[in-house]
Structures are given as structure tokens and as C-alpha cells.
């Protein structure tokens, strides 16, 4: 009796908790990556919101007829820069004899983060073209270089890491990162030149490999060349 008198109220108070358990709220879905953007047309432009969710990319324009939604399977390639995002689709441009249609968006607010890069890497079949560089990777070799372009060559450093090759440049939008499974080939015409062939649309309708050519400021270390070659080709040989 004494036990019931002393502890009965405690047991009674515990019954609802034991019967129903703690209240656990459903996990919230991570919000999509959202940007305020401007999209230029042949004549004029429009502003709106560009977002990337787990299932699709969406452009909501202030002009409703210019809004678009793309499932990730309908996107050929995405290009990411600090101030610009481009989406290459499978749509035809009838005015340009059926060339693939590309949508360029200038970022007005919002930051392109590594999280978006990882999301698109997971969702897209083709590699993302990105000047947004990863935060960390163990660098094995560093090569001071000049990046050869048709116009406006840039200078920087090639960082050859365990999981990727990174080109770091102070030039706007010219930095790049390539995972080894995104590189198709490597070549050199001599000890002061290096070429990387990346799986990337070239602007031509049938191009699948884009060449990046670098002039080396120091003589090429053969071990660095062999390291990249092994990373690109060894998985194909061992299949």
C-alpha cells in the first residue's frame, strides 16, 4: 500500500509516455538550391528564379511563357561559374538548323556552392563543367602553367590530386576540376606541354572530347605524367 501511495502518481504519469512514445517530427527535405537570375534572349531579357531540387531544374520567369522545367535526364550538360549557370538541353534551335539549345543564366543573387556541384554530379549522366573548385584533395604534384586558348590565355597551377586534376587560375571562370573518370586522354608534344582531353561538349553537335592544352613553366616530371595516365587508363585496363 505504501508503495502504491508513494509511487502510484508517478506510474500513472508515465503511462501516456510509454503508450504513445516521444513525438518525432518527420524529417524535412533539404531545400533546393535557388538563385535569382537574368536570362538574356535574342532580343531583350527576363528575370526569374532558377532552382535545383532532387528531381529537376526549374526556371520560373517573371514572363510566364519563358518558364521552363527540366528533368535531369533531359539535360545534356550544366556549366557552373560564380556568376553564371548554363544548361545545355536536347531541345532543337530551329533558327540555327537544329543545334542543341542552351540556356544561359546570369546570377543576380545566390551562391554556387559545392553542394550544388555534388547534387548535379549525382543526378546528371554527363560530368558537370565547373570553375567552382573542391575544398580539399590530397595534391601529389603541382605544375605552374599557362592555359592555351584561342584568345586570352590564362595562367595558374595544375594540381594533380588523388581523386581529381584541378586547374586554379585567378582569371574569371577559367578554373576547372576534372575527376579522373571525366578525363578521356592525356598527351604531350614535349617536356613543356601537357594536354588533357575531357568528356565535355565542345560546341559542335558531335564533339564529345574537349582538349585543354597547357604550357608548362618547368620541365614536365615524367612521374606526374605517368600518375595521370594511370588514373585515367588503369580502371579501363583492369575491367
C-alpha atoms as a PDB file:
ATOM      1  CA  UNK A   1       0.000   0.000   0.000  1.00  0.00           C
ATOM      2  CA  UNK A   2       2.796   2.365   0.906  1.00  0.00           C
ATOM      3  CA  UNK A   3       4.450   1.708  -2.454  1.00  0.00           C
ATOM      4  CA  UNK A   4       1.234   2.468  -4.325  1.00  0.00           C
ATOM      5  CA  UNK A   5       0.661   5.616  -2.297  1.00  0.00           C
ATOM      6  CA  UNK A   6       4.159   6.870  -2.830  1.00  0.00           C
ATOM      7  CA  UNK A   7       4.694   5.917  -6.482  1.00  0.00           C
ATOM      8  CA  UNK A   8       1.208   5.468  -7.970  1.00  0.00           C
ATOM      9  CA  UNK A   9       1.078   9.007  -9.367  1.00  0.00           C
ATOM     10  CA  UNK A  10       4.489   8.579 -10.948  1.00  0.00           C
ATOM     11  CA  UNK A  11       3.478   5.342 -12.682  1.00  0.00           C
ATOM     12  CA  UNK A  12       0.205   6.889 -13.806  1.00  0.00           C
ATOM     13  CA  UNK A  13       2.045   9.874 -15.240  1.00  0.00           C
ATOM     14  CA  UNK A  14       4.414   7.630 -17.162  1.00  0.00           C
ATOM     15  CA  UNK A  15       1.690   5.544 -18.835  1.00  0.00           C
ATOM     16  CA  UNK A  16       0.874   8.077 -21.631  1.00  0.00           C
ATOM     17  CA  UNK A  17       4.558   8.469 -22.431  1.00  0.00           C
ATOM     18  CA  UNK A  18       5.123   4.726 -22.609  1.00  0.00           C
ATOM     19  CA  UNK A  19       1.931   4.139 -24.565  1.00  0.00           C
ATOM     20  CA  UNK A  20       2.476   6.768 -27.184  1.00  0.00           C
ATOM     21  CA  UNK A  21       6.248   7.317 -27.105  1.00  0.00           C
ATOM     22  CA  UNK A  22       8.019  10.578 -27.862  1.00  0.00           C
ATOM     23  CA  UNK A  23       6.674  12.761 -30.650  1.00  0.00           C
ATOM     24  CA  UNK A  24       9.120  12.661 -33.589  1.00  0.00           C
ATOM     25  CA  UNK A  25       8.578  15.107 -36.402  1.00  0.00           C
ATOM     26  CA  UNK A  26       9.050  13.909 -39.982  1.00  0.00           C
ATOM     27  CA  UNK A  27      12.450  14.824 -41.433  1.00  0.00           C
ATOM     28  CA  UNK A  28      12.309  17.887 -43.619  1.00  0.00           C
ATOM     29  CA  UNK A  29      13.552  17.685 -47.168  1.00  0.00           C
ATOM     30  CA  UNK A  30      16.605  19.764 -47.897  1.00  0.00           C
ATOM     31  CA  UNK A  31      15.600  22.969 -49.685  1.00  0.00           C
ATOM     32  CA  UNK A  32      16.591  23.216 -53.331  1.00  0.00           C
ATOM     33  CA  UNK A  33      19.465  25.428 -54.470  1.00  0.00           C
ATOM     34  CA  UNK A  34      17.783  28.681 -55.505  1.00  0.00           C
ATOM     35  CA  UNK A  35      19.123  31.682 -57.425  1.00  0.00           C
ATOM     36  CA  UNK A  36      17.713  34.974 -58.644  1.00  0.00           C
ATOM     37  CA  UNK A  37      18.816  35.172 -62.277  1.00  0.00           C
ATOM     38  CA  UNK A  38      18.572  37.059 -65.560  1.00  0.00           C
ATOM     39  CA  UNK A  39      18.088  35.167 -68.805  1.00  0.00           C
ATOM     40  CA  UNK A  40      19.027  37.024 -71.996  1.00  0.00           C
ATOM     41  CA  UNK A  41      17.066  36.458 -75.195  1.00  0.00           C
ATOM     42  CA  UNK A  42      17.972  37.290 -78.762  1.00  0.00           C
ATOM     43  CA  UNK A  43      16.028  40.483 -78.138  1.00  0.00           C
ATOM     44  CA  UNK A  44      15.633  41.628 -74.541  1.00  0.00           C
ATOM     45  CA  UNK A  45      15.800  39.548 -71.361  1.00  0.00           C
ATOM     46  CA  UNK A  46      13.739  38.377 -68.415  1.00  0.00           C
ATOM     47  CA  UNK A  47      14.369  37.812 -64.717  1.00  0.00           C
ATOM     48  CA  UNK A  48      13.250  34.968 -62.508  1.00  0.00           C
ATOM     49  CA  UNK A  49      14.204  32.187 -60.129  1.00  0.00           C
ATOM     50  CA  UNK A  50      16.396  29.224 -61.059  1.00  0.00           C
ATOM     51  CA  UNK A  51      16.232  26.254 -58.686  1.00  0.00           C
ATOM     52  CA  UNK A  52      17.687  22.749 -58.471  1.00  0.00           C
ATOM     53  CA  UNK A  53      15.821  20.106 -56.474  1.00  0.00           C
ATOM     54  CA  UNK A  54      16.348  16.369 -56.092  1.00  0.00           C
ATOM     55  CA  UNK A  55      14.338  15.656 -59.236  1.00  0.00           C
ATOM     56  CA  UNK A  56      14.599  18.597 -61.635  1.00  0.00           C
ATOM     57  CA  UNK A  57      15.855  22.062 -62.547  1.00  0.00           C
ATOM     58  CA  UNK A  58      13.254  24.822 -62.813  1.00  0.00           C
ATOM     59  CA  UNK A  59      13.300  28.368 -64.168  1.00  0.00           C
ATOM     60  CA  UNK A  60      10.312  30.445 -63.011  1.00  0.00           C
ATOM     61  CA  UNK A  61      10.294  33.586 -65.118  1.00  0.00           C
ATOM     62  CA  UNK A  62       8.502  36.847 -64.476  1.00  0.00           C
ATOM     63  CA  UNK A  63       7.226  36.251 -68.008  1.00  0.00           C
ATOM     64  CA  UNK A  64       5.280  33.025 -67.595  1.00  0.00           C
ATOM     65  CA  UNK A  65       5.753  31.905 -71.206  1.00  0.00           C
ATOM     66  CA  UNK A  66       9.532  31.795 -70.655  1.00  0.00           C
ATOM     67  CA  UNK A  67       9.390  29.471 -67.633  1.00  0.00           C
ATOM     68  CA  UNK A  68      10.959  26.026 -68.043  1.00  0.00           C
ATOM     69  CA  UNK A  69      11.300  22.749 -66.151  1.00  0.00           C
ATOM     70  CA  UNK A  70      13.868  20.093 -66.999  1.00  0.00           C
ATOM     71  CA  UNK A  71      14.085  16.598 -65.561  1.00  0.00           C
ATOM     72  CA  UNK A  72      17.752  15.763 -65.096  1.00  0.00           C
ATOM     73  CA  UNK A  73      17.526  13.085 -67.810  1.00  0.00           C
ATOM     74  CA  UNK A  74      16.618  15.883 -70.263  1.00  0.00           C
ATOM     75  CA  UNK A  75      19.778  17.897 -69.538  1.00  0.00           C
ATOM     76  CA  UNK A  76      22.940  17.184 -71.533  1.00  0.00           C
ATOM     77  CA  UNK A  77      25.340  19.310 -69.526  1.00  0.00           C
ATOM     78  CA  UNK A  78      25.453  22.012 -66.837  1.00  0.00           C
ATOM     79  CA  UNK A  79      28.204  24.613 -66.584  1.00  0.00           C
ATOM     80  CA  UNK A  80      28.761  26.310 -63.214  1.00  0.00           C
ATOM     81  CA  UNK A  81      30.562  29.584 -62.521  1.00  0.00           C
ATOM     82  CA  UNK A  82      30.414  32.048 -59.652  1.00  0.00           C
ATOM     83  CA  UNK A  83      28.297  34.476 -61.683  1.00  0.00           C
ATOM     84  CA  UNK A  84      26.698  32.279 -64.346  1.00  0.00           C
ATOM     85  CA  UNK A  85      24.946  28.927 -64.851  1.00  0.00           C
ATOM     86  CA  UNK A  86      24.377  27.380 -68.285  1.00  0.00           C
ATOM     87  CA  UNK A  87      22.060  24.453 -69.066  1.00  0.00           C
ATOM     88  CA  UNK A  88      22.533  22.564 -72.339  1.00  0.00           C
ATOM     89  CA  UNK A  89      19.356  20.703 -73.330  1.00  0.00           C
ATOM     90  CA  UNK A  90      18.276  18.252 -76.025  1.00  0.00           C
ATOM     91  CA  UNK A  91      15.896  20.842 -77.491  1.00  0.00           C
ATOM     92  CA  UNK A  92      16.495  21.921 -81.098  1.00  0.00           C
ATOM     93  CA  UNK A  93      17.056  25.513 -82.179  1.00  0.00           C
ATOM     94  CA  UNK A  94      15.134  25.602 -85.439  1.00  0.00           C
ATOM     95  CA  UNK A  95      16.519  29.040 -86.306  1.00  0.00           C
ATOM     96  CA  UNK A  96      20.044  27.566 -86.166  1.00  0.00           C
ATOM     97  CA  UNK A  97      19.423  24.403 -88.181  1.00  0.00           C
ATOM     98  CA  UNK A  98      18.697  22.141 -85.235  1.00  0.00           C
ATOM     99  CA  UNK A  99      21.608  22.975 -82.939  1.00  0.00           C
ATOM    100  CA  UNK A 100      21.125  21.992 -79.314  1.00  0.00           C
ATOM    101  CA  UNK A 101      19.519  24.737 -77.262  1.00  0.00           C
ATOM    102  CA  UNK A 102      21.486  26.200 -74.355  1.00  0.00           C
ATOM    103  CA  UNK A 103      20.089  28.468 -71.645  1.00  0.00           C
ATOM    104  CA  UNK A 104      22.472  30.973 -70.002  1.00  0.00           C
ATOM    105  CA  UNK A 105      21.544  32.493 -66.653  1.00  0.00           C
ATOM    106  CA  UNK A 106      23.401  35.423 -65.064  1.00  0.00           C
ATOM    107  CA  UNK A 107      23.257  35.129 -61.262  1.00  0.00           C
ATOM    108  CA  UNK A 108      21.824  38.208 -59.541  1.00  0.00           C
ATOM    109  CA  UNK A 109      21.714  36.710 -56.037  1.00  0.00           C
ATOM    110  CA  UNK A 110      22.668  33.374 -54.525  1.00  0.00           C
ATOM    111  CA  UNK A 111      25.964  31.498 -54.295  1.00  0.00           C
ATOM    112  CA  UNK A 112      27.043  28.496 -56.363  1.00  0.00           C
ATOM    113  CA  UNK A 113      28.290  26.051 -53.739  1.00  0.00           C
ATOM    114  CA  UNK A 114      29.996  22.683 -53.621  1.00  0.00           C
ATOM    115  CA  UNK A 115      26.645  21.248 -52.509  1.00  0.00           C
ATOM    116  CA  UNK A 116      25.139  22.101 -55.905  1.00  0.00           C
ATOM    117  CA  UNK A 117      28.160  20.636 -57.671  1.00  0.00           C
ATOM    118  CA  UNK A 118      27.760  17.370 -55.732  1.00  0.00           C
ATOM    119  CA  UNK A 119      23.999  17.287 -56.394  1.00  0.00           C
ATOM    120  CA  UNK A 120      24.469  17.683 -60.145  1.00  0.00           C
ATOM    121  CA  UNK A 121      27.345  15.176 -60.206  1.00  0.00           C
ATOM    122  CA  UNK A 122      24.930  12.670 -58.694  1.00  0.00           C
ATOM    123  CA  UNK A 123      21.918  13.469 -60.874  1.00  0.00           C
ATOM    124  CA  UNK A 124      23.401  14.102 -64.341  1.00  0.00           C
ATOM    125  CA  UNK A 125      24.666  11.419 -66.693  1.00  0.00           C
ATOM    126  CA  UNK A 126      27.436  13.694 -68.042  1.00  0.00           C
ATOM    127  CA  UNK A 127      30.101  15.456 -65.954  1.00  0.00           C
ATOM    128  CA  UNK A 128      29.455  18.994 -64.732  1.00  0.00           C
ATOM    129  CA  UNK A 129      31.707  21.682 -66.241  1.00  0.00           C
ATOM    130  CA  UNK A 130      32.712  23.750 -63.232  1.00  0.00           C
ATOM    131  CA  UNK A 131      35.006  26.572 -62.228  1.00  0.00           C
ATOM    132  CA  UNK A 132      33.784  26.023 -58.650  1.00  0.00           C
ATOM    133  CA  UNK A 133      36.662  24.067 -57.143  1.00  0.00           C
ATOM    134  CA  UNK A 134      36.517  21.384 -54.438  1.00  0.00           C
ATOM    135  CA  UNK A 135      37.594  22.394 -50.968  1.00  0.00           C
ATOM    136  CA  UNK A 136      40.126  19.637 -50.441  1.00  0.00           C
ATOM    137  CA  UNK A 137      42.013  16.791 -52.089  1.00  0.00           C
ATOM    138  CA  UNK A 138      45.470  15.414 -51.418  1.00  0.00           C
ATOM    139  CA  UNK A 139      47.711  17.091 -54.003  1.00  0.00           C
ATOM    140  CA  UNK A 140      50.537  14.899 -55.308  1.00  0.00           C
ATOM    141  CA  UNK A 141      52.040  17.252 -57.941  1.00  0.00           C
ATOM    142  CA  UNK A 142      51.750  20.990 -58.619  1.00  0.00           C
ATOM    143  CA  UNK A 143      52.613  22.325 -62.080  1.00  0.00           C
ATOM    144  CA  UNK A 144      52.797  26.103 -62.826  1.00  0.00           C
ATOM    145  CA  UNK A 145      51.221  26.521 -66.274  1.00  0.00           C
ATOM    146  CA  UNK A 146      49.726  28.756 -68.937  1.00  0.00           C
ATOM    147  CA  UNK A 147      46.382  27.599 -70.311  1.00  0.00           C
ATOM    148  CA  UNK A 148      46.393  27.927 -74.119  1.00  0.00           C
ATOM    149  CA  UNK A 149      43.131  29.323 -75.530  1.00  0.00           C
ATOM    150  CA  UNK A 150      42.037  30.751 -78.849  1.00  0.00           C
ATOM    151  CA  UNK A 151      42.080  34.160 -77.191  1.00  0.00           C
ATOM    152  CA  UNK A 152      43.079  35.418 -73.758  1.00  0.00           C
ATOM    153  CA  UNK A 153      45.402  32.716 -72.413  1.00  0.00           C
ATOM    154  CA  UNK A 154      45.384  32.401 -68.623  1.00  0.00           C
ATOM    155  CA  UNK A 155      47.999  31.425 -66.048  1.00  0.00           C
ATOM    156  CA  UNK A 156      47.684  29.300 -62.951  1.00  0.00           C
ATOM    157  CA  UNK A 157      48.606  25.992 -61.339  1.00  0.00           C
ATOM    158  CA  UNK A 158      47.636  22.435 -62.235  1.00  0.00           C
ATOM    159  CA  UNK A 159      47.083  20.452 -59.037  1.00  0.00           C
ATOM    160  CA  UNK A 160      47.285  16.724 -59.621  1.00  0.00           C
ATOM    161  CA  UNK A 161      45.492  15.020 -56.748  1.00  0.00           C
ATOM    162  CA  UNK A 162      44.411  11.568 -55.693  1.00  0.00           C
ATOM    163  CA  UNK A 163      40.843  11.949 -56.967  1.00  0.00           C
ATOM    164  CA  UNK A 164      40.972  14.806 -59.486  1.00  0.00           C
ATOM    165  CA  UNK A 165      43.027  17.262 -61.506  1.00  0.00           C
ATOM    166  CA  UNK A 166      42.353  20.921 -60.677  1.00  0.00           C
ATOM    167  CA  UNK A 167      43.367  23.991 -62.655  1.00  0.00           C
ATOM    168  CA  UNK A 168      43.472  27.016 -60.339  1.00  0.00           C
ATOM    169  CA  UNK A 169      43.587  30.408 -62.014  1.00  0.00           C
ATOM    170  CA  UNK A 170      42.876  33.955 -60.935  1.00  0.00           C
ATOM    171  CA  UNK A 171      41.247  34.518 -64.320  1.00  0.00           C
ATOM    172  CA  UNK A 172      37.473  34.730 -64.129  1.00  0.00           C
ATOM    173  CA  UNK A 173      35.666  31.468 -64.946  1.00  0.00           C
ATOM    174  CA  UNK A 174      38.773  29.633 -66.229  1.00  0.00           C
ATOM    175  CA  UNK A 175      39.470  27.403 -63.225  1.00  0.00           C
ATOM    176  CA  UNK A 176      38.401  23.792 -63.729  1.00  0.00           C
ATOM    177  CA  UNK A 177      38.162  20.491 -61.897  1.00  0.00           C
ATOM    178  CA  UNK A 178      38.156  17.071 -63.592  1.00  0.00           C
ATOM    179  CA  UNK A 179      37.646  13.765 -61.812  1.00  0.00           C
ATOM    180  CA  UNK A 180      39.744  11.066 -63.437  1.00  0.00           C
ATOM    181  CA  UNK A 181      36.670   9.285 -64.799  1.00  0.00           C
ATOM    182  CA  UNK A 182      35.849  12.533 -66.661  1.00  0.00           C
ATOM    183  CA  UNK A 183      39.204  12.568 -68.453  1.00  0.00           C
ATOM    184  CA  UNK A 184      39.411  10.570 -71.674  1.00  0.00           C
ATOM    185  CA  UNK A 185      43.071  11.052 -72.583  1.00  0.00           C
ATOM    186  CA  UNK A 186      46.377  12.704 -71.787  1.00  0.00           C
ATOM    187  CA  UNK A 187      49.132  13.706 -74.229  1.00  0.00           C
ATOM    188  CA  UNK A 188      52.251  15.793 -74.653  1.00  0.00           C
ATOM    189  CA  UNK A 189      54.292  17.071 -77.580  1.00  0.00           C
ATOM    190  CA  UNK A 190      57.360  17.703 -75.431  1.00  0.00           C
ATOM    191  CA  UNK A 191      58.670  18.340 -71.901  1.00  0.00           C
ATOM    192  CA  UNK A 192      56.995  21.766 -71.662  1.00  0.00           C
ATOM    193  CA  UNK A 193      53.500  20.923 -72.873  1.00  0.00           C
ATOM    194  CA  UNK A 194      50.582  18.893 -71.488  1.00  0.00           C
ATOM    195  CA  UNK A 195      47.162  18.117 -72.984  1.00  0.00           C
ATOM    196  CA  UNK A 196      44.119  16.818 -71.111  1.00  0.00           C
ATOM    197  CA  UNK A 197      41.115  15.501 -73.053  1.00  0.00           C
ATOM    198  CA  UNK A 198      37.888  15.897 -71.062  1.00  0.00           C
ATOM    199  CA  UNK A 199      34.424  14.415 -71.580  1.00  0.00           C
ATOM    200  CA  UNK A 200      32.721  17.686 -72.425  1.00  0.00           C
ATOM    201  CA  UNK A 201      30.505  19.053 -75.179  1.00  0.00           C
ATOM    202  CA  UNK A 202      32.669  21.213 -77.418  1.00  0.00           C
ATOM    203  CA  UNK A 203      30.039  23.435 -79.015  1.00  0.00           C
ATOM    204  CA  UNK A 204      29.910  21.229 -82.096  1.00  0.00           C
ATOM    205  CA  UNK A 205      26.941  18.905 -82.249  1.00  0.00           C
ATOM    206  CA  UNK A 206      29.001  15.714 -82.260  1.00  0.00           C
ATOM    207  CA  UNK A 207      32.042  16.632 -80.175  1.00  0.00           C
ATOM    208  CA  UNK A 208      32.476  14.555 -77.019  1.00  0.00           C
ATOM    209  CA  UNK A 209      36.094  15.385 -76.091  1.00  0.00           C
ATOM    210  CA  UNK A 210      37.396  18.863 -75.350  1.00  0.00           C
ATOM    211  CA  UNK A 211      41.160  19.381 -75.276  1.00  0.00           C
ATOM    212  CA  UNK A 212      42.794  21.586 -72.659  1.00  0.00           C
ATOM    213  CA  UNK A 213      46.380  22.455 -73.611  1.00  0.00           C
ATOM    214  CA  UNK A 214      48.870  23.823 -71.074  1.00  0.00           C
ATOM    215  CA  UNK A 215      52.345  25.289 -71.494  1.00  0.00           C
ATOM    216  CA  UNK A 216      54.462  24.185 -68.528  1.00  0.00           C
ATOM    217  CA  UNK A 217      56.749  26.704 -66.833  1.00  0.00           C
ATOM    218  CA  UNK A 218      59.008  23.897 -65.581  1.00  0.00           C
ATOM    219  CA  UNK A 219      60.090  20.718 -67.334  1.00  0.00           C
ATOM    220  CA  UNK A 220      57.386  18.045 -67.068  1.00  0.00           C
ATOM    221  CA  UNK A 221      58.105  15.482 -64.381  1.00  0.00           C
ATOM    222  CA  UNK A 222      57.631  12.064 -66.067  1.00  0.00           C
ATOM    223  CA  UNK A 223      56.266  10.706 -62.780  1.00  0.00           C
ATOM    224  CA  UNK A 224      53.463  13.297 -62.859  1.00  0.00           C
ATOM    225  CA  UNK A 225      52.541  12.330 -66.426  1.00  0.00           C
ATOM    226  CA  UNK A 226      52.569   8.623 -65.538  1.00  0.00           C
ATOM    227  CA  UNK A 227      50.449   9.296 -62.436  1.00  0.00           C
ATOM    228  CA  UNK A 228      47.687  10.944 -64.501  1.00  0.00           C
ATOM    229  CA  UNK A 229      47.929   8.268 -67.218  1.00  0.00           C
ATOM    230  CA  UNK A 230      47.471   5.502 -64.650  1.00  0.00           C
ATOM    231  CA  UNK A 231      44.495   7.240 -63.044  1.00  0.00           C
ATOM    232  CA  UNK A 232      42.776   7.637 -66.420  1.00  0.00           C
ATOM    233  CA  UNK A 233      43.607   4.306 -68.019  1.00  0.00           C
ATOM    234  CA  UNK A 234      44.186   1.721 -65.284  1.00  0.00           C
ATOM    235  CA  UNK A 235      40.474   1.295 -64.467  1.00  0.00           C
ATOM    236  CA  UNK A 236      39.793   0.607 -68.178  1.00  0.00           C
ATOM    237  CA  UNK A 237      42.609  -1.936 -68.381  1.00  0.00           C
ATOM    238  CA  UNK A 238      41.540  -3.733 -65.205  1.00  0.00           C
ATOM    239  CA  UNK A 239      37.899  -4.176 -66.253  1.00  0.00           C
END
